[in-house]
């Protein structure tokens, strides 16, 4: 009896020390919820910032597609000195000879080339901008899904560490009890050594689990844009997942239409088709060129005469012109333009096949996810029965212990069995939540829509 009391005191003191240690660690951690983690990741994630920056050029181009109709305007002014002084002639100054050695001239030209492909190029620019927006939104959704998965995984690892620590404490208690029984001559030395070996085998497992938890926490902190040594206090994972009724046909159809990856492919395909159409009309239709030019030249000596006298300026070859032209060399099958068009046409066909494969893959992925969720639901129900049995066993053991029919170690073993059963239930809950996140991403709805936990 004295031995049992001593062991109970040791275990009680160890539990108090462990609780104080956990309390100190918890106070030093930053509290965070899944939604807060997502906000931090979107704000600080460097990879997402790169995607947003890369899309900035598309955004500017998509907001000003009409700038292709701005004519090219050039203005120039030239002040020059002839290397040789012109010979004097009795006639007024002209460009064949005579006049001052310094010459002053100006020019203004405006040109605009129009083609049916020019108008269609505007559509290409807009489609590329829309594709860029979809790419950024897809990156945000993928980041949110990964952050939520990492959050739940950390909670699961944390529970595994707690379970292993409890197992180690139980092993320590068993060693203390075996040592007391060995000294009292109640058990042989080999039994005492076996209990010690079991305890020593648990220590590396606890160290490995704690190291895995620290590494996962460091990766999670970097994922959110924090320092690697930042520690978070996570909100507990819901113990009972709310299993929902899933309609396979409806969800598969929604995924094929709304999955961000497929929507991105559709937008890229639309932009590529617009580019192909614009190239076709640029090659196979004529273009219209509008131009206007002015080239006034100063007729006096710019070093002696005033520049503001309008009679001293004469225009030489300025005009307004309308030109219709067609690059016939581009019509040749082996020309650079035609080969470029064929390359884009092949790219369109390849992307269409890729889109069809992506739709098929998504349909299969959603179907498998639904089947996996159904299997997880069945396993979770069985695991809940295991938890109920473990709770009932623990209650009976506690009653027997109070009546002196069971030892403290037997009660502790039942507590450990209950903890393992709850961890198994938590694992099934975790698996279900992971599948639910994948399903919500696949059908293109905000995370938490199906589960009701937004």
Protein backbone atom coordinates (compact mmCIF):
# COMPACT_ATOMS: atom_id res chain seq x y z
CA UNK A 1 0.00 0.00 0.00
CA UNK A 2 2.85 2.37 0.87
CA UNK A 3 4.47 1.64 -2.45
CA UNK A 4 1.28 2.47 -4.32
CA UNK A 5 0.92 5.74 -2.42
CA UNK A 6 4.52 6.74 -3.23
CA UNK A 7 4.05 5.98 -6.90
CA UNK A 8 0.81 7.94 -6.97
CA UNK A 9 2.56 10.94 -5.39
CA UNK A 10 5.37 10.82 -7.93
CA UNK A 11 2.93 10.67 -10.81
CA UNK A 12 0.87 13.49 -9.33
CA UNK A 13 3.96 15.71 -8.94
CA UNK A 14 5.07 14.91 -12.50
CA UNK A 15 1.62 15.82 -13.80
CA UNK A 16 1.75 19.16 -11.96
CA UNK A 17 5.19 19.97 -13.41
CA UNK A 18 4.03 18.99 -16.91
CA UNK A 19 0.93 21.16 -16.57
CA UNK A 20 3.03 24.11 -15.40
CA UNK A 21 5.38 23.63 -18.35
CA UNK A 22 2.49 23.50 -20.81
CA UNK A 23 0.96 26.59 -19.21
CA UNK A 24 4.22 28.53 -19.57
CA UNK A 25 4.61 27.47 -23.19
CA UNK A 26 1.02 28.45 -23.97
CA UNK A 27 1.46 31.93 -22.50
CA UNK A 28 4.44 32.58 -24.79
CA UNK A 29 2.57 31.58 -27.95
CA UNK A 30 0.64 33.88 -30.28
CA UNK A 31 -3.05 32.93 -30.48
CA UNK A 32 -4.29 32.45 -34.03
CA UNK A 33 -7.37 31.06 -35.78
CA UNK A 34 -7.52 29.50 -39.26
CA UNK A 35 -9.07 32.66 -40.74
CA UNK A 36 -6.37 34.84 -39.19
CA UNK A 37 -3.68 32.51 -40.53
CA UNK A 38 -5.15 32.82 -44.03
CA UNK A 39 -5.19 36.64 -43.79
CA UNK A 40 -1.56 36.71 -42.68
CA UNK A 41 -0.48 34.36 -45.47
CA UNK A 42 -2.25 36.37 -48.19
CA UNK A 43 -0.73 39.58 -46.85
CA UNK A 44 2.84 38.34 -46.35
CA UNK A 45 3.38 35.38 -48.69
CA UNK A 46 6.21 36.27 -51.08
CA UNK A 47 5.19 33.84 -53.81
CA UNK A 48 1.73 35.39 -53.98
CA UNK A 49 3.25 38.88 -54.12
CA UNK A 50 5.31 37.79 -57.12
CA UNK A 51 2.16 36.54 -58.88
CA UNK A 52 0.38 39.83 -58.20
CA UNK A 53 3.36 41.82 -59.47
CA UNK A 54 3.60 39.74 -62.63
CA UNK A 55 -0.06 40.43 -63.35
CA UNK A 56 0.35 44.19 -62.96
CA UNK A 57 1.49 44.63 -66.58
CA UNK A 58 -1.54 42.66 -67.78
CA UNK A 59 -3.78 44.81 -65.65
CA UNK A 60 -2.46 48.02 -67.18
CA UNK A 61 -2.73 46.61 -70.71
CA UNK A 62 -6.24 45.30 -70.08
CA UNK A 63 -7.46 48.68 -68.87
CA UNK A 64 -6.13 50.53 -71.96
CA UNK A 65 -6.64 48.20 -74.96
CA UNK A 66 -7.73 51.17 -77.09
CA UNK A 67 -4.21 52.68 -77.07
CA UNK A 68 -3.43 50.76 -80.30
CA UNK A 69 -5.40 53.48 -82.10
CA UNK A 70 -3.17 56.28 -80.88
CA UNK A 71 -1.19 57.39 -83.94
CA UNK A 72 2.57 57.52 -83.86
CA UNK A 73 3.50 61.18 -83.69
CA UNK A 74 7.05 62.44 -84.10
CA UNK A 75 8.31 66.02 -83.87
CA UNK A 76 11.86 67.05 -84.66
CA UNK A 77 13.89 70.22 -85.16
CA UNK A 78 17.27 70.50 -86.81
CA UNK A 79 19.82 73.27 -86.61
CA UNK A 80 22.78 72.49 -88.88
CA UNK A 81 25.87 74.11 -90.30
CA UNK A 82 27.20 73.18 -93.71
CA UNK A 83 30.82 72.15 -93.76
CA UNK A 84 31.41 74.35 -96.81
CA UNK A 85 29.94 77.77 -97.28
CA UNK A 86 27.46 77.74 -100.18
CA UNK A 87 28.33 79.68 -103.32
CA UNK A 88 26.43 82.89 -103.88
CA UNK A 89 23.86 83.03 -106.64
CA UNK A 90 21.92 86.01 -107.90
CA UNK A 91 18.69 84.09 -107.42
CA UNK A 92 16.94 83.67 -104.06
CA UNK A 93 18.19 80.96 -101.76
CA UNK A 94 17.30 77.43 -102.75
CA UNK A 95 18.55 74.00 -101.87
CA UNK A 96 20.78 73.66 -104.91
CA UNK A 97 23.17 76.33 -103.81
CA UNK A 98 23.53 79.71 -102.20
CA UNK A 99 22.10 80.90 -98.96
CA UNK A 100 23.54 80.98 -95.45
CA UNK A 101 25.86 78.35 -94.08
CA UNK A 102 23.53 77.70 -91.09
CA UNK A 103 20.26 75.93 -91.84
CA UNK A 104 17.11 75.53 -89.65
CA UNK A 105 14.29 73.05 -90.32
CA UNK A 106 11.48 71.25 -88.45
CA UNK A 107 9.24 68.26 -89.09
CA UNK A 108 5.99 66.82 -87.77
CA UNK A 109 4.67 63.40 -88.76
CA UNK A 110 1.75 61.25 -87.62
CA UNK A 111 1.02 57.72 -88.79
CA UNK A 112 -1.58 55.06 -87.95
CA UNK A 113 -1.81 51.58 -89.43
CA UNK A 114 -5.19 49.83 -89.25
CA UNK A 115 -6.13 46.24 -89.83
CA UNK A 116 -9.00 43.98 -88.80
CA UNK A 117 -6.44 42.18 -86.66
CA UNK A 118 -5.82 45.44 -84.79
CA UNK A 119 -9.39 45.44 -83.50
CA UNK A 120 -9.19 41.77 -82.59
CA UNK A 121 -5.91 42.39 -80.79
CA UNK A 122 -7.89 44.47 -78.29
CA UNK A 123 -9.88 41.36 -77.40
CA UNK A 124 -6.66 39.42 -76.95
CA UNK A 125 -5.36 42.04 -74.50
CA UNK A 126 -8.58 41.95 -72.49
CA UNK A 127 -8.60 38.14 -72.40
CA UNK A 128 -4.99 38.04 -71.21
CA UNK A 129 -5.88 40.45 -68.42
CA UNK A 130 -8.81 38.27 -67.36
CA UNK A 131 -6.57 35.19 -67.45
CA UNK A 132 -4.06 36.99 -65.24
CA UNK A 133 -6.78 37.86 -62.73
CA UNK A 134 -7.91 34.25 -62.62
CA UNK A 135 -4.30 33.12 -62.07
CA UNK A 136 -3.92 35.43 -59.08
CA UNK A 137 -7.25 34.33 -57.61
CA UNK A 138 -6.27 30.70 -58.10
CA UNK A 139 -2.98 31.31 -56.31
CA UNK A 140 -4.87 32.90 -53.40
CA UNK A 141 -7.27 29.97 -53.16
CA UNK A 142 -4.44 27.44 -53.29
CA UNK A 143 -2.61 29.38 -50.59
CA UNK A 144 -5.71 29.47 -48.39
CA UNK A 145 -6.29 25.74 -48.85
CA UNK A 146 -2.67 24.93 -48.01
CA UNK A 147 -2.67 27.21 -44.95
CA UNK A 148 -5.81 25.59 -43.58
CA UNK A 149 -4.38 22.13 -44.19
CA UNK A 150 -1.13 23.07 -42.46
CA UNK A 151 -3.11 24.50 -39.55
CA UNK A 152 -5.09 21.28 -39.03
CA UNK A 153 -1.98 19.17 -39.49
CA UNK A 154 -0.23 21.11 -36.73
CA UNK A 155 -3.15 20.43 -34.41
CA UNK A 156 -2.96 16.73 -35.20
CA UNK A 157 0.80 16.60 -34.59
CA UNK A 158 0.28 18.49 -31.34
CA UNK A 159 -2.20 15.87 -30.15
CA UNK A 160 0.21 13.10 -31.13
CA UNK A 161 2.95 14.75 -29.07
CA UNK A 162 0.60 15.02 -26.08
CA UNK A 163 -0.30 11.34 -26.44
CA UNK A 164 3.35 10.26 -26.62
CA UNK A 165 4.19 12.38 -23.59
CA UNK A 166 1.33 10.72 -21.72
CA UNK A 167 2.63 7.33 -22.77
CA UNK A 168 6.09 8.24 -21.50
CA UNK A 169 4.65 9.40 -18.19
CA UNK A 170 2.76 6.14 -17.91
CA UNK A 171 5.98 4.25 -18.65
CA UNK A 172 7.78 6.23 -15.95
CA UNK A 173 5.05 5.28 -13.50
CA UNK A 174 5.34 1.63 -14.48
CA UNK A 175 9.12 1.76 -13.99
CA UNK A 176 8.67 3.28 -10.51
CA UNK A 177 6.10 0.63 -9.62
CA UNK A 178 8.27 -2.20 -11.02
CA UNK A 179 11.30 -0.87 -9.13
CA UNK A 180 9.36 -0.84 -5.87
CA UNK A 181 8.03 -4.37 -6.51
CA UNK A 182 11.51 -5.60 -7.42
CA UNK A 183 13.01 -4.20 -4.25
CA UNK A 184 10.17 -5.78 -2.31
CA UNK A 185 10.88 -9.12 -3.93
CA UNK A 186 7.52 -9.28 -5.69
CA UNK A 187 8.85 -9.56 -9.27
CA UNK A 188 12.08 -10.89 -10.78
CA UNK A 189 14.77 -8.55 -12.17
CA UNK A 190 13.97 -9.47 -15.78
CA UNK A 191 10.47 -7.98 -15.44
CA UNK A 192 11.93 -4.80 -14.04
CA UNK A 193 14.39 -4.58 -16.95
CA UNK A 194 11.62 -5.16 -19.49
CA UNK A 195 9.67 -2.20 -18.14
CA UNK A 196 12.81 -0.04 -18.30
CA UNK A 197 13.44 -1.07 -21.91
CA UNK A 198 9.85 -0.15 -22.84
CA UNK A 199 10.35 3.29 -21.28
CA UNK A 200 13.66 3.87 -23.08
CA UNK A 201 12.10 2.85 -26.39
CA UNK A 202 9.47 5.57 -25.94
CA UNK A 203 11.94 8.41 -25.40
CA UNK A 204 13.23 8.55 -29.03
CA UNK A 205 9.64 8.50 -30.25
CA UNK A 206 8.75 11.46 -28.06
CA UNK A 207 11.86 13.35 -29.17
CA UNK A 208 11.11 12.61 -32.83
CA UNK A 209 7.49 13.76 -32.49
CA UNK A 210 8.50 16.95 -30.68
CA UNK A 211 11.14 17.68 -33.32
CA UNK A 212 8.58 17.11 -36.09
CA UNK A 213 6.20 19.50 -34.32
CA UNK A 214 8.90 22.18 -34.05
CA UNK A 215 9.78 21.80 -37.73
CA UNK A 216 6.12 21.95 -38.75
CA UNK A 217 5.60 25.05 -36.60
CA UNK A 218 8.65 26.74 -38.15
CA UNK A 219 7.41 25.95 -41.67
CA UNK A 220 3.97 27.23 -40.76
CA UNK A 221 5.43 30.49 -39.41
CA UNK A 222 7.46 31.05 -42.58
CA UNK A 223 4.36 30.22 -44.61
CA UNK A 224 2.59 33.12 -42.90
CA UNK A 225 5.50 35.50 -43.44
CA UNK A 226 6.70 35.39 -39.81
CA UNK A 227 10.04 34.52 -38.31
CA UNK A 228 10.83 30.80 -38.19
CA UNK A 229 10.96 30.85 -34.37
CA UNK A 230 7.44 32.28 -34.01
CA UNK A 231 5.16 29.94 -32.09
CA UNK A 232 1.38 30.00 -32.32
CA UNK A 233 -1.37 28.86 -30.01
CA UNK A 234 -3.87 27.18 -32.30
CA UNK A 235 -7.59 27.01 -31.79
CA UNK A 236 -8.61 23.39 -31.06
CA UNK A 237 -9.87 21.26 -33.90
CA UNK A 238 -13.61 20.51 -33.75
CA UNK A 239 -13.97 17.08 -32.13
CA UNK A 240 -16.90 15.93 -34.21
CA UNK A 241 -16.90 16.64 -37.92
CA UNK A 242 -20.32 17.43 -39.31
CA UNK A 243 -20.71 14.88 -42.07
CA UNK A 244 -22.77 16.20 -44.95
CA UNK A 245 -24.79 14.51 -47.65
CA UNK A 246 -22.91 14.80 -50.95
CA UNK A 247 -24.55 14.62 -54.37
CA UNK A 248 -21.85 13.23 -56.64
CA UNK A 249 -23.36 14.21 -59.99
CA UNK A 250 -24.01 17.82 -58.99
CA UNK A 251 -20.58 18.29 -57.38
CA UNK A 252 -18.76 16.76 -60.35
CA UNK A 253 -20.59 19.09 -62.74
CA UNK A 254 -19.80 22.13 -60.60
CA UNK A 255 -16.13 21.17 -60.39
CA UNK A 256 -15.86 20.74 -64.15
CA UNK A 257 -17.29 24.24 -64.58
CA UNK A 258 -15.86 26.18 -61.63
CA UNK A 259 -12.54 24.68 -60.53
CA UNK A 260 -9.96 27.51 -60.53
CA UNK A 261 -7.44 25.45 -62.48
CA UNK A 262 -9.97 24.77 -65.24
CA UNK A 263 -11.20 28.35 -65.28
CA UNK A 264 -7.59 29.49 -65.69
CA UNK A 265 -7.15 27.12 -68.63
CA UNK A 266 -10.34 28.41 -70.25
CA UNK A 267 -9.19 32.02 -69.93
CA UNK A 268 -5.76 31.23 -71.34
CA UNK A 269 -7.40 29.35 -74.20
CA UNK A 270 -9.67 32.31 -74.97
CA UNK A 271 -6.64 34.65 -75.05
CA UNK A 272 -4.74 32.26 -77.32
CA UNK A 273 -7.71 31.96 -79.70
CA UNK A 274 -7.99 35.75 -79.85
CA UNK A 275 -4.28 35.93 -80.70
CA UNK A 276 -4.72 33.32 -83.45
CA UNK A 277 -7.63 35.25 -84.99
CA UNK A 278 -5.70 38.52 -84.89
CA UNK A 279 -2.70 36.87 -86.59
CA UNK A 280 -4.97 35.42 -89.29
CA UNK A 281 -6.43 38.79 -90.27
CA UNK A 282 -3.03 40.49 -90.06
CA UNK A 283 -1.74 38.02 -92.65
CA UNK A 284 -4.73 37.49 -94.94
CA UNK A 285 -6.29 40.95 -95.08
CA UNK A 286 -4.84 44.26 -96.30
CA UNK A 287 -4.01 47.12 -93.96
CA UNK A 288 -4.87 50.78 -94.16
CA UNK A 289 -2.21 53.38 -93.34
CA UNK A 290 -3.10 56.98 -92.47
CA UNK A 291 -0.34 59.57 -92.38
CA UNK A 292 0.26 63.28 -92.17
CA UNK A 293 3.54 65.16 -92.31
CA UNK A 294 4.86 68.71 -92.19
CA UNK A 295 8.49 69.72 -92.88
CA UNK A 296 8.86 73.53 -92.80
CA UNK A 297 12.37 74.92 -93.45
CA UNK A 298 13.63 78.38 -92.49
CA UNK A 299 14.53 80.38 -95.60
CA UNK A 300 16.80 82.92 -93.94
CA UNK A 301 19.93 82.86 -91.86
CA UNK A 302 18.98 81.42 -88.42
CA UNK A 303 21.94 83.24 -86.85
CA UNK A 304 20.87 86.66 -88.12
CA UNK A 305 17.19 86.66 -89.03
CA UNK A 306 14.22 86.32 -86.69
CA UNK A 307 12.65 82.85 -86.46
CA UNK A 308 9.11 84.05 -85.79
CA UNK A 309 8.52 85.57 -89.20
CA UNK A 310 5.96 83.28 -90.84
CA UNK A 311 6.99 84.30 -94.35
CA UNK A 312 10.47 82.89 -93.73
CA UNK A 313 9.20 79.30 -93.39
CA UNK A 314 8.30 77.13 -96.34
CA UNK A 315 7.03 73.56 -96.43
CA UNK A 316 8.79 71.21 -98.82
CA UNK A 317 6.99 67.85 -99.03
CA UNK A 318 4.34 67.74 -96.29
CA UNK A 319 1.13 65.89 -97.09
CA UNK A 320 -1.83 63.85 -95.82
CA UNK A 321 -1.84 60.32 -97.21
CA UNK A 322 -4.07 57.26 -97.20
CA UNK A 323 -2.33 54.05 -98.21
CA UNK A 324 -3.75 50.57 -98.65
CA UNK A 325 -1.06 47.88 -98.51
CA UNK A 326 -0.81 44.12 -98.25
CA UNK A 327 2.30 42.15 -97.40
CA UNK A 328 2.08 39.40 -99.99
CA UNK A 329 5.20 37.61 -98.78
CA UNK A 330 3.32 36.71 -95.58
CA UNK A 331 0.93 34.57 -97.65
CA UNK A 332 3.67 32.11 -98.54
CA UNK A 333 3.27 28.88 -96.53
CA UNK A 334 6.93 28.92 -95.46
CA UNK A 335 7.04 32.61 -94.47
CA UNK A 336 7.83 33.65 -90.91
CA UNK A 337 4.33 35.12 -90.45
CA UNK A 338 2.57 32.00 -91.72
CA UNK A 339 4.71 29.67 -89.67
CA UNK A 340 3.99 31.78 -86.59
CA UNK A 341 0.26 31.49 -87.26
CA UNK A 342 0.53 27.70 -87.63
CA UNK A 343 2.47 27.47 -84.36
CA UNK A 344 -0.25 29.40 -82.52
CA UNK A 345 -2.93 27.24 -84.15
CA UNK A 346 -1.15 24.09 -82.91
CA UNK A 347 -0.89 25.62 -79.44
CA UNK A 348 -4.66 26.22 -79.45
CA UNK A 349 -5.35 22.59 -80.34
CA UNK A 350 -2.94 21.37 -77.67
CA UNK A 351 -4.55 23.60 -75.03
CA UNK A 352 -8.02 22.38 -76.02
CA UNK A 353 -6.85 18.80 -75.46
CA UNK A 354 -5.26 19.84 -72.17
CA UNK A 355 -8.52 21.42 -71.08
CA UNK A 356 -10.47 18.27 -71.94
CA UNK A 357 -7.95 16.16 -69.98
CA UNK A 358 -8.17 18.58 -67.04
CA UNK A 359 -11.97 18.29 -66.99
CA UNK A 360 -11.75 14.49 -67.03
CA UNK A 361 -9.12 14.52 -64.31
CA UNK A 362 -11.21 16.85 -62.17
CA UNK A 363 -14.29 14.68 -62.53
CA UNK A 364 -12.31 11.63 -61.42
CA UNK A 365 -10.65 13.60 -58.61
CA UNK A 366 -13.97 14.81 -57.23
CA UNK A 367 -15.48 11.34 -57.48
CA UNK A 368 -12.54 9.81 -55.60
CA UNK A 369 -12.70 12.58 -52.98
CA UNK A 370 -16.39 11.92 -52.37
CA UNK A 371 -15.76 8.18 -52.07
CA UNK A 372 -12.88 8.83 -49.67
CA UNK A 373 -15.07 11.12 -47.57
CA UNK A 374 -17.73 8.44 -47.40
CA UNK A 375 -15.14 5.90 -46.27
CA UNK A 376 -13.84 8.38 -43.69
CA UNK A 377 -17.38 8.92 -42.42
CA UNK A 378 -17.81 5.17 -41.91
CA UNK A 379 -14.46 4.87 -40.14
CA UNK A 380 -15.25 7.89 -37.98
CA UNK A 381 -18.52 6.35 -36.84
CA UNK A 382 -16.68 3.17 -35.85
CA UNK A 383 -14.03 5.23 -34.09
CA UNK A 384 -16.69 7.10 -32.14
CA UNK A 385 -17.96 3.76 -30.85
CA UNK A 386 -14.40 2.97 -29.79
CA UNK A 387 -14.22 6.27 -27.91
CA UNK A 388 -17.54 5.55 -26.19
CA UNK A 389 -16.30 2.11 -25.13
CA UNK A 390 -13.02 3.58 -23.86
CA UNK A 391 -14.89 6.24 -21.86
CA UNK A 392 -17.15 3.61 -20.33
CA UNK A 393 -14.15 1.38 -19.51
CA UNK A 394 -12.41 4.32 -17.82
CA UNK A 395 -15.46 5.14 -15.73
CA UNK A 396 -15.71 1.52 -14.57
CA UNK A 397 -11.97 1.44 -13.82
CA UNK A 398 -12.19 4.61 -11.78
CA UNK A 399 -15.08 3.14 -9.78
CA UNK A 400 -13.13 -0.09 -9.23
CA UNK A 401 -10.06 1.91 -8.16
CA UNK A 402 -12.07 3.81 -5.57
CA UNK A 403 -13.32 0.47 -4.25
CA UNK A 404 -9.80 -0.94 -4.15
CA UNK A 405 -10.37 -3.46 -6.93
CA UNK A 406 -7.91 -1.97 -9.42
CA UNK A 407 -4.47 -0.37 -9.21
CA UNK A 408 -3.67 3.18 -10.22
CA UNK A 409 -1.58 1.95 -13.15
CA UNK A 410 -4.54 0.04 -14.52
CA UNK A 411 -6.62 3.21 -14.41
CA UNK A 412 -3.77 5.09 -16.06
CA UNK A 413 -3.63 2.53 -18.85
CA UNK A 414 -7.35 2.96 -19.45
CA UNK A 415 -6.86 6.72 -19.58
CA UNK A 416 -4.11 6.22 -22.15
CA UNK A 417 -6.39 3.93 -24.19
CA UNK A 418 -9.09 6.61 -24.16
CA UNK A 419 -6.56 9.20 -25.30
CA UNK A 420 -5.49 6.95 -28.15
CA UNK A 421 -9.09 6.38 -29.16
CA UNK A 422 -9.74 10.12 -29.17
CA UNK A 423 -6.60 10.67 -31.24
CA UNK A 424 -7.89 8.10 -33.73
CA UNK A 425 -11.18 9.99 -33.91
CA UNK A 426 -9.28 13.22 -34.37
CA UNK A 427 -7.30 11.61 -37.20
CA UNK A 428 -10.52 10.65 -38.97
CA UNK A 429 -11.86 14.15 -38.40
CA UNK A 430 -8.64 15.57 -39.85
CA UNK A 431 -8.88 13.30 -42.92
CA UNK A 432 -12.46 14.41 -43.49
CA UNK A 433 -11.59 18.10 -43.20
CA UNK A 434 -8.69 17.70 -45.65
CA UNK A 435 -10.98 16.05 -48.20
CA UNK A 436 -13.59 18.72 -47.61
CA UNK A 437 -11.06 21.47 -48.31
CA UNK A 438 -10.05 19.75 -51.56
CA UNK A 439 -13.68 19.38 -52.55
CA UNK A 440 -14.52 23.04 -51.84
CA UNK A 441 -11.51 24.13 -53.88
CA UNK A 442 -12.51 21.82 -56.73
CA UNK A 443 -16.08 23.13 -57.03
CA UNK A 444 -14.95 26.76 -56.69
CA UNK A 445 -16.83 27.79 -53.53
CA UNK A 446 -15.46 29.70 -50.50
CA UNK A 447 -13.85 27.46 -47.92
CA UNK A 448 -16.29 26.53 -45.20
CA UNK A 449 -19.32 26.64 -47.52
CA UNK A 450 -20.03 22.90 -47.40
CA UNK A 451 -19.18 22.48 -43.73
CA UNK A 452 -20.90 25.68 -42.62
CA UNK A 453 -17.69 26.88 -40.89
CA UNK A 454 -16.73 30.07 -42.69
